[in-house]
Amino acid sequence: MTSQPPSAWRKSSRSKQHTHCIEVGQLSDGAAVRDTKDRSAGYFTTTGQQWAAFIDAVKSNRFD
């Protein structure tokens, strides 16, 4: 993974005003994920391939 910090953090528009959410930050090859309640706790990172597999699983309802 890159040593560059994540940029362009965003929260799902479906979260609306909820405070118990996650944010996703952009990396050059992947994504970073952090908790909106405690941003200072840090984040975890994924590769682009891992993130794509996760998004595909979400979209195909594999977690339902």
N, C-alpha and C. Protein backbone atom coordinates (compact mmCIF):
# COMPACT_ATOMS: atom_id res chain seq x y z
N MET A 1 0.84 -1.18 0.00
CA MET A 1 0.00 0.00 0.00
C MET A 1 0.89 1.25 0.00
N THR A 2 0.28 2.30 -0.40
CA THR A 2 0.96 3.57 -0.47
C THR A 2 1.17 4.18 0.92
N SER A 3 2.19 5.04 1.02
CA SER A 3 2.40 5.72 2.30
C SER A 3 1.68 7.07 2.32
N GLN A 4 1.02 7.43 1.25
CA GLN A 4 0.25 8.68 1.20
C GLN A 4 -0.99 8.54 2.06
N PRO A 5 -1.35 9.59 2.79
CA PRO A 5 -2.58 9.51 3.59
C PRO A 5 -3.81 9.51 2.68
N PRO A 6 -4.90 8.94 3.15
CA PRO A 6 -6.14 8.94 2.36
C PRO A 6 -6.63 10.36 2.13
N SER A 7 -7.33 10.54 1.03
CA SER A 7 -7.90 11.85 0.72
C SER A 7 -9.36 11.70 0.34
N ALA A 8 -10.03 12.82 0.22
CA ALA A 8 -11.42 12.86 -0.24
C ALA A 8 -12.33 11.94 0.58
N TRP A 9 -12.24 12.02 1.90
CA TRP A 9 -13.10 11.20 2.76
C TRP A 9 -14.56 11.51 2.46
N ARG A 10 -15.40 10.47 2.42
CA ARG A 10 -16.82 10.70 2.17
C ARG A 10 -17.65 9.68 2.95
N LYS A 11 -18.84 10.12 3.30
CA LYS A 11 -19.80 9.28 4.02
C LYS A 11 -20.97 9.03 3.07
N SER A 12 -21.57 7.89 3.15
CA SER A 12 -22.69 7.56 2.28
C SER A 12 -23.81 8.59 2.41
N SER A 13 -24.39 8.95 1.29
CA SER A 13 -25.53 9.87 1.32
C SER A 13 -26.73 9.23 2.00
N ARG A 14 -26.75 7.92 2.08
CA ARG A 14 -27.84 7.21 2.76
C ARG A 14 -27.74 7.33 4.28
N SER A 15 -26.59 7.75 4.76
CA SER A 15 -26.39 7.90 6.21
C SER A 15 -27.15 9.10 6.76
N LYS A 16 -27.39 10.08 5.94
CA LYS A 16 -28.10 11.31 6.31
C LYS A 16 -27.47 11.93 7.56
N GLN A 17 -28.22 12.08 8.62
CA GLN A 17 -27.71 12.74 9.83
C GLN A 17 -27.24 11.75 10.90
N HIS A 18 -27.18 10.47 10.59
CA HIS A 18 -26.74 9.49 11.58
C HIS A 18 -25.27 9.70 11.93
N THR A 19 -24.93 9.45 13.17
CA THR A 19 -23.54 9.63 13.60
C THR A 19 -22.78 8.32 13.70
N HIS A 20 -23.46 7.21 13.60
CA HIS A 20 -22.81 5.91 13.69
C HIS A 20 -22.58 5.36 12.29
N CYS A 21 -21.61 5.92 11.61
CA CYS A 21 -21.36 5.58 10.22
C CYS A 21 -19.86 5.38 10.00
N ILE A 22 -19.55 5.00 8.79
CA ILE A 22 -18.16 4.94 8.38
C ILE A 22 -17.94 5.93 7.25
N GLU A 23 -16.68 6.28 7.04
CA GLU A 23 -16.28 7.11 5.92
C GLU A 23 -15.25 6.33 5.12
N VAL A 24 -15.21 6.59 3.84
CA VAL A 24 -14.26 5.95 2.95
C VAL A 24 -13.36 7.02 2.36
N GLY A 25 -12.07 6.78 2.46
CA GLY A 25 -11.09 7.71 1.89
C GLY A 25 -10.42 7.09 0.69
N GLN A 26 -10.02 7.92 -0.23
CA GLN A 26 -9.41 7.47 -1.47
C GLN A 26 -7.90 7.29 -1.29
N LEU A 27 -7.39 6.18 -1.80
CA LEU A 27 -5.95 5.92 -1.87
C LEU A 27 -5.59 5.71 -3.33
N SER A 28 -4.31 5.79 -3.65
CA SER A 28 -3.91 5.63 -5.04
C SER A 28 -4.25 4.24 -5.58
N ASP A 29 -4.22 3.22 -4.72
CA ASP A 29 -4.60 1.87 -5.14
C ASP A 29 -5.45 1.22 -4.06
N GLY A 30 -6.65 1.75 -3.83
CA GLY A 30 -7.52 1.14 -2.84
C GLY A 30 -8.33 2.15 -2.09
N ALA A 31 -8.65 1.80 -0.85
CA ALA A 31 -9.51 2.65 -0.04
C ALA A 31 -9.09 2.54 1.42
N ALA A 32 -9.47 3.55 2.18
CA ALA A 32 -9.28 3.56 3.63
C ALA A 32 -10.66 3.72 4.26
N VAL A 33 -10.87 3.10 5.41
CA VAL A 33 -12.17 3.14 6.07
C VAL A 33 -11.95 3.55 7.52
N ARG A 34 -12.80 4.48 7.99
CA ARG A 34 -12.71 4.91 9.39
C ARG A 34 -14.11 5.12 9.96
N ASP A 35 -14.17 5.18 11.28
CA ASP A 35 -15.42 5.36 12.02
C ASP A 35 -15.66 6.85 12.22
N THR A 36 -16.85 7.34 11.87
CA THR A 36 -17.14 8.76 12.02
C THR A 36 -17.22 9.19 13.48
N LYS A 37 -17.52 8.27 14.39
CA LYS A 37 -17.61 8.61 15.81
C LYS A 37 -16.24 8.88 16.42
N ASP A 38 -15.19 8.27 15.85
CA ASP A 38 -13.86 8.38 16.44
C ASP A 38 -12.81 8.40 15.33
N ARG A 39 -12.78 9.49 14.60
CA ARG A 39 -11.85 9.61 13.47
C ARG A 39 -10.39 9.54 13.93
N SER A 40 -10.13 9.97 15.15
CA SER A 40 -8.76 9.96 15.66
C SER A 40 -8.24 8.55 15.94
N ALA A 41 -9.12 7.56 15.94
CA ALA A 41 -8.71 6.17 16.19
C ALA A 41 -7.96 5.57 15.01
N GLY A 42 -7.97 6.26 13.88
CA GLY A 42 -7.26 5.76 12.72
C GLY A 42 -8.20 5.13 11.70
N TYR A 43 -7.62 4.37 10.80
CA TYR A 43 -8.38 3.76 9.72
C TYR A 43 -7.68 2.48 9.28
N PHE A 44 -8.40 1.65 8.53
CA PHE A 44 -7.76 0.50 7.93
C PHE A 44 -7.78 0.69 6.41
N THR A 45 -6.87 0.02 5.73
CA THR A 45 -6.77 0.18 4.28
C THR A 45 -7.01 -1.13 3.57
N THR A 46 -7.41 -1.02 2.32
CA THR A 46 -7.60 -2.18 1.45
C THR A 46 -6.92 -1.88 0.12
N THR A 47 -6.60 -2.92 -0.60
CA THR A 47 -6.09 -2.75 -1.95
C THR A 47 -7.28 -2.47 -2.87
N GLY A 48 -7.00 -2.03 -4.06
CA GLY A 48 -8.07 -1.81 -5.02
C GLY A 48 -8.84 -3.08 -5.31
N GLN A 49 -8.15 -4.19 -5.40
CA GLN A 49 -8.80 -5.48 -5.67
C GLN A 49 -9.69 -5.89 -4.50
N GLN A 50 -9.22 -5.73 -3.29
CA GLN A 50 -10.03 -6.05 -2.12
C GLN A 50 -11.27 -5.18 -2.05
N TRP A 51 -11.11 -3.89 -2.30
CA TRP A 51 -12.24 -2.95 -2.23
C TRP A 51 -13.28 -3.30 -3.29
N ALA A 52 -12.82 -3.60 -4.50
CA ALA A 52 -13.74 -3.96 -5.59
C ALA A 52 -14.52 -5.24 -5.24
N ALA A 53 -13.85 -6.21 -4.63
CA ALA A 53 -14.52 -7.45 -4.24
C ALA A 53 -15.56 -7.17 -3.15
N PHE A 54 -15.23 -6.30 -2.20
CA PHE A 54 -16.18 -5.94 -1.15
C PHE A 54 -17.40 -5.24 -1.73
N ILE A 55 -17.19 -4.26 -2.58
CA ILE A 55 -18.31 -3.53 -3.20
C ILE A 55 -19.18 -4.48 -4.02
N ASP A 56 -18.56 -5.39 -4.76
CA ASP A 56 -19.32 -6.37 -5.53
C ASP A 56 -20.18 -7.24 -4.61
N ALA A 57 -19.63 -7.65 -3.47
CA ALA A 57 -20.38 -8.47 -2.51
C ALA A 57 -21.55 -7.69 -1.93
N VAL A 58 -21.35 -6.42 -1.63
CA VAL A 58 -22.44 -5.59 -1.11
C VAL A 58 -23.54 -5.47 -2.14
N LYS A 59 -23.17 -5.15 -3.37
CA LYS A 59 -24.16 -4.94 -4.43
C LYS A 59 -24.93 -6.22 -4.78
N SER A 60 -24.31 -7.37 -4.56
CA SER A 60 -25.00 -8.63 -4.88
C SER A 60 -25.68 -9.23 -3.65
N ASN A 61 -25.81 -8.44 -2.57
CA ASN A 61 -26.52 -8.85 -1.34
C ASN A 61 -25.93 -10.08 -0.67
N ARG A 62 -24.63 -10.29 -0.75
CA ARG A 62 -24.00 -11.44 -0.11
C ARG A 62 -23.95 -11.32 1.40
N PHE A 63 -24.22 -10.14 1.94
CA PHE A 63 -24.18 -9.95 3.40
C PHE A 63 -25.57 -9.97 4.03
N ASP A 64 -26.60 -10.16 3.23
CA ASP A 64 -27.98 -10.19 3.76
C ASP A 64 -28.30 -11.53 4.39
